[in-house]
């Protein structure tokens, strides 16, 4: 079972991808997700983020944070 911050990172990155999220709220979600990402292991971060382009919740956090989503 993944740690609680794994699910939080996934939820926050999905919120960033949601076009209905106001820009200031999306920025706060992205910053909080980045903070939580810092405590994930490499294995966890490989699938903990949301992929905005593919609308999937099993994406690499490295890819998510490298993008301008």
Protein backbone atom coordinates (compact mmCIF):
# COMPACT_ATOMS: atom_id res chain seq x y z
CA UNK A 1 0.00 0.00 0.00
CA UNK A 2 1.48 3.37 -0.99
CA UNK A 3 2.10 5.97 1.72
CA UNK A 4 -0.53 8.72 2.19
CA UNK A 5 1.65 11.37 0.54
CA UNK A 6 1.68 9.24 -2.64
CA UNK A 7 -2.10 9.62 -2.97
CA UNK A 8 -1.88 13.31 -2.09
CA UNK A 9 0.69 13.95 -4.85
CA UNK A 10 -1.56 12.16 -7.33
CA UNK A 11 -4.62 14.16 -6.28
CA UNK A 12 -2.77 17.47 -6.35
CA UNK A 13 -1.25 16.88 -9.77
CA UNK A 14 -4.66 15.86 -11.13
CA UNK A 15 -6.02 19.14 -9.77
CA UNK A 16 -3.29 21.03 -11.63
CA UNK A 17 -4.36 19.29 -14.86
CA UNK A 18 -8.04 20.12 -14.39
CA UNK A 19 -8.91 23.08 -16.67
CA UNK A 20 -11.61 24.13 -14.19
CA UNK A 21 -8.97 24.80 -11.52
CA UNK A 22 -8.26 28.55 -11.23
CA UNK A 23 -4.63 29.39 -12.11
CA UNK A 24 -3.69 30.58 -8.61
CA UNK A 25 -5.13 27.42 -7.07
CA UNK A 26 -3.34 25.25 -9.66
CA UNK A 27 -0.05 26.93 -8.79
CA UNK A 28 -0.57 26.29 -5.08
CA UNK A 29 -1.45 22.65 -5.82
CA UNK A 30 1.68 22.29 -7.97
CA UNK A 31 3.89 23.75 -5.24
CA UNK A 32 2.37 21.52 -2.57
CA UNK A 33 2.71 18.47 -4.84
CA UNK A 34 6.38 19.32 -5.40
CA UNK A 35 6.95 19.46 -1.67
CA UNK A 36 5.25 16.09 -1.17
CA UNK A 37 7.13 14.62 -4.16
CA UNK A 38 10.39 15.33 -2.37
CA UNK A 39 9.64 12.60 0.18
CA UNK A 40 8.66 9.91 -2.34
CA UNK A 41 11.10 7.17 -3.24
CA UNK A 42 12.21 6.88 -6.87
CA UNK A 43 9.95 3.86 -7.25
CA UNK A 44 6.94 5.76 -5.88
CA UNK A 45 7.60 8.85 -7.96
CA UNK A 46 7.61 6.75 -11.13
CA UNK A 47 3.80 6.43 -10.92
CA UNK A 48 2.61 8.99 -8.35
CA UNK A 49 1.67 11.88 -10.64
CA UNK A 50 -1.08 12.66 -13.10
CA UNK A 51 -0.31 12.92 -16.82
CA UNK A 52 -2.19 15.98 -18.10
CA UNK A 53 -1.75 15.13 -21.79
CA UNK A 54 -2.97 11.56 -21.47
CA UNK A 55 -5.35 12.17 -18.54
CA UNK A 56 -3.88 9.22 -16.63
CA UNK A 57 -3.03 8.92 -12.97
CA UNK A 58 -0.01 6.66 -13.20
CA UNK A 59 2.59 9.01 -14.60
CA UNK A 60 6.14 9.82 -13.63
CA UNK A 61 6.54 12.81 -11.37
CA UNK A 62 9.81 13.57 -13.15
CA UNK A 63 7.83 14.03 -16.36
CA UNK A 64 5.05 15.98 -14.66
CA UNK A 65 7.37 18.51 -13.04
CA UNK A 66 9.49 18.81 -16.19
CA UNK A 67 6.36 19.93 -18.05
CA UNK A 68 4.74 23.33 -17.82
CA UNK A 69 1.36 21.88 -16.77
